Amino acid sequence: MNMPINTSISNKPSYKMLRMKQLIECTGLSRSTLYDMMDARSKRYDPTFPRAIKLTEATVCWLESEVNAWLESKIKNSRG
């Protein structure tokens, strides 16, 4: 007797997280610029920049999908 093969795809989302080194590579921005963009007291502050996610006491990361969406909005805005 043939058993049916379960080909359903899980509905659970798959998240790719970026650490600071990867964020620097992805955006082309320096570490200090990125932290300035996240600091409301900085002249470089960008409230649209994705917020970091704290995974542990010493580990933060960013969702790749949010970073990509932010980059896409910057590209769109710069090209009118």
PDB file of N, CA and C in Angstrom:
ATOM      1  N   MET A   1       0.847  -1.173   0.000  1.00  0.00           N
ATOM      2  CA  MET A   1       0.000   0.000   0.000  1.00  0.00           C
ATOM      3  C   MET A   1       0.893   1.237   0.000  1.00  0.00           C
ATOM      4  N   ASN A   2       0.618   2.150  -0.902  1.00  0.00           N
ATOM      5  CA  ASN A   2       1.397   3.381  -0.981  1.00  0.00           C
ATOM      6  C   ASN A   2       0.897   4.402   0.028  1.00  0.00           C
ATOM      7  N   MET A   3       1.841   4.962   0.767  1.00  0.00           N
ATOM      8  CA  MET A   3       1.500   6.007   1.735  1.00  0.00           C
ATOM      9  C   MET A   3       1.637   7.357   1.034  1.00  0.00           C
ATOM     10  N   PRO A   4       0.696   8.261   1.258  1.00  0.00           N
ATOM     11  CA  PRO A   4       0.814   9.581   0.637  1.00  0.00           C
ATOM     12  C   PRO A   4       2.014  10.336   1.212  1.00  0.00           C
ATOM     13  N   ILE A   5       2.664  11.062   0.342  1.00  0.00           N
ATOM     14  CA  ILE A   5       3.810  11.861   0.766  1.00  0.00           C
ATOM     15  C   ILE A   5       3.305  13.240   1.149  1.00  0.00           C
ATOM     16  N   ASN A   6       3.705  13.690   2.313  1.00  0.00           N
ATOM     17  CA  ASN A   6       3.298  15.008   2.782  1.00  0.00           C
ATOM     18  C   ASN A   6       4.150  16.063   2.089  1.00  0.00           C
ATOM     19  N   THR A   7       3.526  16.783   1.168  1.00  0.00           N
ATOM     20  CA  THR A   7       4.258  17.812   0.427  1.00  0.00           C
ATOM     21  C   THR A   7       3.864  19.215   0.860  1.00  0.00           C
ATOM     22  N   SER A   8       3.091  19.309   1.929  1.00  0.00           N
ATOM     23  CA  SER A   8       2.668  20.639   2.371  1.00  0.00           C
ATOM     24  C   SER A   8       3.856  21.413   2.928  1.00  0.00           C
ATOM     25  N   ILE A   9       3.833  22.687   2.663  1.00  0.00           N
ATOM     26  CA  ILE A   9       4.890  23.565   3.150  1.00  0.00           C
ATOM     27  C   ILE A   9       4.440  24.158   4.473  1.00  0.00           C
ATOM     28  N   SER A  10       5.339  24.210   5.396  1.00  0.00           N
ATOM     29  CA  SER A  10       5.022  24.755   6.705  1.00  0.00           C
ATOM     30  C   SER A  10       4.610  26.217   6.583  1.00  0.00           C
ATOM     31  N   ASN A  11       3.626  26.610   7.357  1.00  0.00           N
ATOM     32  CA  ASN A  11       3.176  27.997   7.370  1.00  0.00           C
ATOM     33  C   ASN A  11       4.006  28.856   8.304  1.00  0.00           C
ATOM     34  N   LYS A  12       4.964  28.248   8.970  1.00  0.00           N
ATOM     35  CA  LYS A  12       5.802  29.007   9.884  1.00  0.00           C
ATOM     36  C   LYS A  12       6.756  29.891   9.082  1.00  0.00           C
ATOM     37  N   PRO A  13       6.849  31.172   9.459  1.00  0.00           N
ATOM     38  CA  PRO A  13       7.765  32.056   8.725  1.00  0.00           C
ATOM     39  C   PRO A  13       9.220  31.682   8.971  1.00  0.00           C
ATOM     40  N   SER A  14      10.027  31.947   7.977  1.00  0.00           N
ATOM     41  CA  SER A  14      11.460  31.709   8.084  1.00  0.00           C
ATOM     42  C   SER A  14      12.144  33.067   8.171  1.00  0.00           C
ATOM     43  N   TYR A  15      12.892  33.293   9.237  1.00  0.00           N
ATOM     44  CA  TYR A  15      13.538  34.581   9.452  1.00  0.00           C
ATOM     45  C   TYR A  15      15.038  34.466   9.250  1.00  0.00           C
ATOM     46  N   LYS A  16      15.587  35.372   8.454  1.00  0.00           N
ATOM     47  CA  LYS A  16      17.036  35.454   8.333  1.00  0.00           C
ATOM     48  C   LYS A  16      17.460  36.689   9.108  1.00  0.00           C
ATOM     49  N   MET A  17      18.351  36.466  10.047  1.00  0.00           N
ATOM     50  CA  MET A  17      18.813  37.545  10.901  1.00  0.00           C
ATOM     51  C   MET A  17      20.193  38.005  10.451  1.00  0.00           C
ATOM     52  N   LEU A  18      20.422  39.317  10.519  1.00  0.00           N
ATOM     53  CA  LEU A  18      21.716  39.890  10.177  1.00  0.00           C
ATOM     54  C   LEU A  18      22.395  40.396  11.437  1.00  0.00           C
ATOM     55  N   ARG A  19      23.631  40.013  11.628  1.00  0.00           N
ATOM     56  CA  ARG A  19      24.447  40.574  12.703  1.00  0.00           C
ATOM     57  C   ARG A  19      25.085  41.849  12.171  1.00  0.00           C
ATOM     58  N   MET A  20      25.754  42.606  13.033  1.00  0.00           N
ATOM     59  CA  MET A  20      26.300  43.901  12.642  1.00  0.00           C
ATOM     60  C   MET A  20      27.221  43.802  11.424  1.00  0.00           C
ATOM     61  N   LYS A  21      28.101  42.818  11.408  1.00  0.00           N
ATOM     62  CA  LYS A  21      29.027  42.675  10.278  1.00  0.00           C
ATOM     63  C   LYS A  21      28.257  42.508   8.968  1.00  0.00           C
ATOM     64  N   GLN A  22      27.207  41.701   8.997  1.00  0.00           N
ATOM     65  CA  GLN A  22      26.396  41.478   7.804  1.00  0.00           C
ATOM     66  C   GLN A  22      25.602  42.732   7.438  1.00  0.00           C
ATOM     67  N   LEU A  23      25.148  43.469   8.449  1.00  0.00           N
ATOM     68  CA  LEU A  23      24.413  44.708   8.214  1.00  0.00           C
ATOM     69  C   LEU A  23      25.306  45.733   7.524  1.00  0.00           C
ATOM     70  N   ILE A  24      26.553  45.815   7.966  1.00  0.00           N
ATOM     71  CA  ILE A  24      27.528  46.713   7.344  1.00  0.00           C
ATOM     72  C   ILE A  24      27.733  46.322   5.881  1.00  0.00           C
ATOM     73  N   GLU A  25      27.904  45.029   5.624  1.00  0.00           N
ATOM     74  CA  GLU A  25      28.104  44.547   4.251  1.00  0.00           C
ATOM     75  C   GLU A  25      26.872  44.804   3.384  1.00  0.00           C
ATOM     76  N   CYS A  26      25.703  44.596   3.947  1.00  0.00           N
ATOM     77  CA  CYS A  26      24.452  44.732   3.204  1.00  0.00           C
ATOM     78  C   CYS A  26      24.157  46.185   2.837  1.00  0.00           C
ATOM     79  N   THR A  27      24.421  47.111   3.757  1.00  0.00           N
ATOM     80  CA  THR A  27      24.079  48.516   3.531  1.00  0.00           C
ATOM     81  C   THR A  27      25.222  49.329   2.947  1.00  0.00           C
ATOM     82  N   GLY A  28      26.451  48.895   3.171  1.00  0.00           N
ATOM     83  CA  GLY A  28      27.603  49.677   2.743  1.00  0.00           C
ATOM     84  C   GLY A  28      27.902  50.838   3.674  1.00  0.00           C
ATOM     85  N   LEU A  29      27.233  50.872   4.822  1.00  0.00           N
ATOM     86  CA  LEU A  29      27.427  51.939   5.804  1.00  0.00           C
ATOM     87  C   LEU A  29      28.374  51.474   6.901  1.00  0.00           C
ATOM     88  N   SER A  30      29.015  52.427   7.563  1.00  0.00           N
ATOM     89  CA  SER A  30      29.933  52.079   8.645  1.00  0.00           C
ATOM     90  C   SER A  30      29.155  51.777   9.925  1.00  0.00           C
ATOM     91  N   ARG A  31      29.820  51.132  10.844  1.00  0.00           N
ATOM     92  CA  ARG A  31      29.230  50.811  12.145  1.00  0.00           C
ATOM     93  C   ARG A  31      28.754  52.086  12.845  1.00  0.00           C
ATOM     94  N   SER A  32      29.597  53.119  12.852  1.00  0.00           N
ATOM     95  CA  SER A  32      29.232  54.351  13.562  1.00  0.00           C
ATOM     96  C   SER A  32      28.032  55.035  12.900  1.00  0.00           C
ATOM     97  N   THR A  33      27.970  55.012  11.578  1.00  0.00           N
ATOM     98  CA  THR A  33      26.820  55.600  10.884  1.00  0.00           C
ATOM     99  C   THR A  33      25.548  54.839  11.222  1.00  0.00           C
ATOM    100  N   LEU A  34      25.616  53.528  11.235  1.00  0.00           N
ATOM    101  CA  LEU A  34      24.437  52.720  11.567  1.00  0.00           C
ATOM    102  C   LEU A  34      23.951  53.017  12.980  1.00  0.00           C
ATOM    103  N   TYR A  35      24.865  53.081  13.940  1.00  0.00           N
ATOM    104  CA  TYR A  35      24.450  53.386  15.310  1.00  0.00           C
ATOM    105  C   TYR A  35      23.903  54.804  15.414  1.00  0.00           C
ATOM    106  N   ASP A  36      24.472  55.754  14.665  1.00  0.00           N
ATOM    107  CA  ASP A  36      23.929  57.116  14.646  1.00  0.00           C
ATOM    108  C   ASP A  36      22.503  57.121  14.101  1.00  0.00           C
ATOM    109  N   MET A  37      22.251  56.322  13.088  1.00  0.00           N
ATOM    110  CA  MET A  37      20.917  56.264  12.494  1.00  0.00           C
ATOM    111  C   MET A  37      19.881  55.706  13.466  1.00  0.00           C
ATOM    112  N   MET A  38      20.340  54.953  14.456  1.00  0.00           N
ATOM    113  CA  MET A  38      19.435  54.373  15.450  1.00  0.00           C
ATOM    114  C   MET A  38      19.299  55.240  16.698  1.00  0.00           C
ATOM    115  N   ASP A  39      20.101  56.304  16.794  1.00  0.00           N
ATOM    116  CA  ASP A  39      20.143  57.160  17.984  1.00  0.00           C
ATOM    117  C   ASP A  39      19.336  58.431  17.736  1.00  0.00           C
ATOM    118  N   ALA A  40      18.221  58.579  18.442  1.00  0.00           N
ATOM    119  CA  ALA A  40      17.332  59.727  18.247  1.00  0.00           C
ATOM    120  C   ALA A  40      18.017  61.060  18.542  1.00  0.00           C
ATOM    121  N   ARG A  41      19.125  61.042  19.269  1.00  0.00           N
ATOM    122  CA  ARG A  41      19.843  62.288  19.583  1.00  0.00           C
ATOM    123  C   ARG A  41      20.827  62.684  18.490  1.00  0.00           C
ATOM    124  N   SER A  42      21.036  61.824  17.529  1.00  0.00           N
ATOM    125  CA  SER A  42      22.018  62.060  16.473  1.00  0.00           C
ATOM    126  C   SER A  42      21.419  62.841  15.302  1.00  0.00           C
ATOM    127  N   LYS A  43      22.249  63.634  14.637  1.00  0.00           N
ATOM    128  CA  LYS A  43      21.818  64.339  13.424  1.00  0.00           C
ATOM    129  C   LYS A  43      21.531  63.345  12.299  1.00  0.00           C
ATOM    130  N   ARG A  44      22.120  62.177  12.379  1.00  0.00           N
ATOM    131  CA  ARG A  44      21.923  61.147  11.344  1.00  0.00           C
ATOM    132  C   ARG A  44      20.738  60.230  11.633  1.00  0.00           C
ATOM    133  N   TYR A  45      20.023  60.497  12.708  1.00  0.00           N
ATOM    134  CA  TYR A  45      18.917  59.624  13.113  1.00  0.00           C
ATOM    135  C   TYR A  45      17.938  59.422  11.962  1.00  0.00           C
ATOM    136  N   ASP A  46      17.551  58.172  11.751  1.00  0.00           N
ATOM    137  CA  ASP A  46      16.573  57.826  10.725  1.00  0.00           C
ATOM    138  C   ASP A  46      15.501  56.949  11.369  1.00  0.00           C
ATOM    139  N   PRO A  47      14.337  57.535  11.672  1.00  0.00           N
ATOM    140  CA  PRO A  47      13.290  56.757  12.343  1.00  0.00           C
ATOM    141  C   PRO A  47      12.743  55.618  11.493  1.00  0.00           C
ATOM    142  N   THR A  48      13.049  55.626  10.198  1.00  0.00           N
ATOM    143  CA  THR A  48      12.566  54.549   9.328  1.00  0.00           C
ATOM    144  C   THR A  48      13.502  53.347   9.317  1.00  0.00           C
ATOM    145  N   PHE A  49      14.687  53.503   9.906  1.00  0.00           N
ATOM    146  CA  PHE A  49      15.643  52.395   9.910  1.00  0.00           C
ATOM    147  C   PHE A  49      15.120  51.276  10.813  1.00  0.00           C
ATOM    148  N   PRO A  50      15.237  50.020  10.382  1.00  0.00           N
ATOM    149  CA  PRO A  50      14.722  48.894  11.177  1.00  0.00           C
ATOM    150  C   PRO A  50      15.331  48.839  12.579  1.00  0.00           C
ATOM    151  N   ARG A  51      14.503  48.518  13.536  1.00  0.00           N
ATOM    152  CA  ARG A  51      14.961  48.403  14.916  1.00  0.00           C
ATOM    153  C   ARG A  51      15.677  47.075  15.128  1.00  0.00           C
ATOM    154  N   ALA A  52      16.697  47.130  15.959  1.00  0.00           N
ATOM    155  CA  ALA A  52      17.448  45.916  16.296  1.00  0.00           C
ATOM    156  C   ALA A  52      16.589  45.002  17.166  1.00  0.00           C
ATOM    157  N   ILE A  53      16.857  43.726  17.064  1.00  0.00           N
ATOM    158  CA  ILE A  53      16.187  42.713  17.879  1.00  0.00           C
ATOM    159  C   ILE A  53      17.213  42.157  18.848  1.00  0.00           C
ATOM    160  N   LYS A  54      16.895  42.204  20.124  1.00  0.00           N
ATOM    161  CA  LYS A  54      17.815  41.705  21.138  1.00  0.00           C
ATOM    162  C   LYS A  54      17.556  40.214  21.347  1.00  0.00           C
ATOM    163  N   LEU A  55      18.522  39.393  20.935  1.00  0.00           N
ATOM    164  CA  LEU A  55      18.376  37.944  21.084  1.00  0.00           C
ATOM    165  C   LEU A  55      18.843  37.471  22.453  1.00  0.00           C
ATOM    166  N   THR A  56      19.950  38.041  22.915  1.00  0.00           N
ATOM    167  CA  THR A  56      20.489  37.731  24.243  1.00  0.00           C
ATOM    168  C   THR A  56      21.002  39.033  24.835  1.00  0.00           C
ATOM    169  N   GLU A  57      21.566  38.967  26.015  1.00  0.00           N
ATOM    170  CA  GLU A  57      22.128  40.165  26.644  1.00  0.00           C
ATOM    171  C   GLU A  57      23.204  40.810  25.779  1.00  0.00           C
ATOM    172  N   ALA A  58      23.944  40.012  25.040  1.00  0.00           N
ATOM    173  CA  ALA A  58      25.075  40.535  24.265  1.00  0.00           C
ATOM    174  C   ALA A  58      24.890  40.429  22.752  1.00  0.00           C
ATOM    175  N   THR A  59      23.724  39.994  22.303  1.00  0.00           N
ATOM    176  CA  THR A  59      23.535  39.754  20.874  1.00  0.00           C
ATOM    177  C   THR A  59      22.322  40.505  20.347  1.00  0.00           C
ATOM    178  N   VAL A  60      22.567  41.354  19.354  1.00  0.00           N
ATOM    179  CA  VAL A  60      21.472  42.012  18.647  1.00  0.00           C
ATOM    180  C   VAL A  60      21.589  41.677  17.169  1.00  0.00           C
ATOM    181  N   CYS A  61      20.463  41.738  16.487  1.00  0.00           N
ATOM    182  CA  CYS A  61      20.452  41.468  15.056  1.00  0.00           C
ATOM    183  C   CYS A  61      19.293  42.231  14.432  1.00  0.00           C
ATOM    184  N   TRP A  62      19.237  42.179  13.127  1.00  0.00           N
ATOM    185  CA  TRP A  62      18.194  42.849  12.362  1.00  0.00           C
ATOM    186  C   TRP A  62      17.594  41.840  11.407  1.00  0.00           C
ATOM    187  N   LEU A  63      16.296  41.959  11.161  1.00  0.00           N
ATOM    188  CA  LEU A  63      15.643  41.085  10.190  1.00  0.00           C
ATOM    189  C   LEU A  63      16.060  41.503   8.785  1.00  0.00           C
ATOM    190  N   GLU A  64      16.563  40.557   8.024  1.00  0.00           N
ATOM    191  CA  GLU A  64      17.004  40.845   6.665  1.00  0.00           C
ATOM    192  C   GLU A  64      15.863  41.434   5.834  1.00  0.00           C
ATOM    193  N   SER A  65      14.660  40.924   6.001  1.00  0.00           N
ATOM    194  CA  SER A  65      13.518  41.410   5.220  1.00  0.00           C
ATOM    195  C   SER A  65      13.230  42.879   5.513  1.00  0.00           C
ATOM    196  N   GLU A  66      13.370  43.295   6.779  1.00  0.00           N
ATOM    197  CA  GLU A  66      13.146  44.697   7.133  1.00  0.00           C
ATOM    198  C   GLU A  66      14.251  45.587   6.579  1.00  0.00           C
ATOM    199  N   VAL A  67      15.486  45.114   6.632  1.00  0.00           N
ATOM    200  CA  VAL A  67      16.610  45.878   6.085  1.00  0.00           C
ATOM    201  C   VAL A  67      16.443  46.024   4.575  1.00  0.00           C
ATOM    202  N   ASN A  68      16.068  44.948   3.907  1.00  0.00           N
ATOM    203  CA  ASN A  68      15.857  45.005   2.457  1.00  0.00           C
ATOM    204  C   ASN A  68      14.727  45.964   2.095  1.00  0.00           C
ATOM    205  N   ALA A  69      13.647  45.955   2.876  1.00  0.00           N
ATOM    206  CA  ALA A  69      12.532  46.873   2.624  1.00  0.00           C
ATOM    207  C   ALA A  69      12.984  48.319   2.820  1.00  0.00           C
ATOM    208  N   TRP A  70      13.803  48.567   3.837  1.00  0.00           N
ATOM    209  CA  TRP A  70      14.338  49.914   4.082  1.00  0.00           C
ATOM    210  C   TRP A  70      15.212  50.353   2.909  1.00  0.00           C
ATOM    211  N   LEU A  71      16.087  49.454   2.446  1.00  0.00           N
ATOM    212  CA  LEU A  71      16.945  49.776   1.303  1.00  0.00           C
ATOM    213  C   LEU A  71      16.111  50.062   0.050  1.00  0.00           C
ATOM    214  N   GLU A  72      15.078  49.262  -0.173  1.00  0.00           N
ATOM    215  CA  GLU A  72      14.212  49.477  -1.333  1.00  0.00           C
ATOM    216  C   GLU A  72      13.538  50.839  -1.266  1.00  0.00           C
ATOM    217  N   SER A  73      13.107  51.259  -0.068  1.00  0.00           N
ATOM    218  CA  SER A  73      12.475  52.577   0.068  1.00  0.00           C
ATOM    219  C   SER A  73      13.481  53.688  -0.207  1.00  0.00           C
ATOM    220  N   LYS A  74      14.734  53.500   0.206  1.00  0.00           N
ATOM    221  CA  LYS A  74      15.778  54.493  -0.066  1.00  0.00           C
ATOM    222  C   LYS A  74      16.050  54.585  -1.567  1.00  0.00           C
ATOM    223  N   ILE A  75      16.092  53.449  -2.236  1.00  0.00           N
ATOM    224  CA  ILE A  75      16.313  53.435  -3.687  1.00  0.00           C
ATOM    225  C   ILE A  75      15.155  54.142  -4.390  1.00  0.00           C
ATOM    226  N   LYS A  76      13.930  53.785  -4.002  1.00  0.00           N
ATOM    227  CA  LYS A  76      12.741  54.379  -4.621  1.00  0.00           C
ATOM    228  C   LYS A  76      12.722  55.889  -4.410  1.00  0.00           C
ATOM    229  N   ASN A  77      13.002  56.349  -3.188  1.00  0.00           N
ATOM    230  CA  ASN A  77      12.972  57.782  -2.883  1.00  0.00           C
ATOM    231  C   ASN A  77      14.077  58.545  -3.599  1.00  0.00           C
ATOM    232  N   SER A  78      15.210  57.916  -3.808  1.00  0.00           N
ATOM    233  CA  SER A  78      16.326  58.616  -4.449  1.00  0.00           C
ATOM    234  C   SER A  78      16.147  58.728  -5.960  1.00  0.00           C
ATOM    235  N   ARG A  79      15.275  57.905  -6.497  1.00  0.00           N
ATOM    236  CA  ARG A  79      15.067  57.913  -7.954  1.00  0.00           C
ATOM    237  C   ARG A  79      13.733  58.535  -8.352  1.00  0.00           C
ATOM    238  N   GLY A  80      13.054  59.081  -7.363  1.00  0.00           N
ATOM    239  CA  GLY A  80      11.798  59.778  -7.645  1.00  0.00           C
ATOM    240  C   GLY A  80      10.716  58.873  -7.962  1.00  0.00           C
TER     241      GLY A  80
END
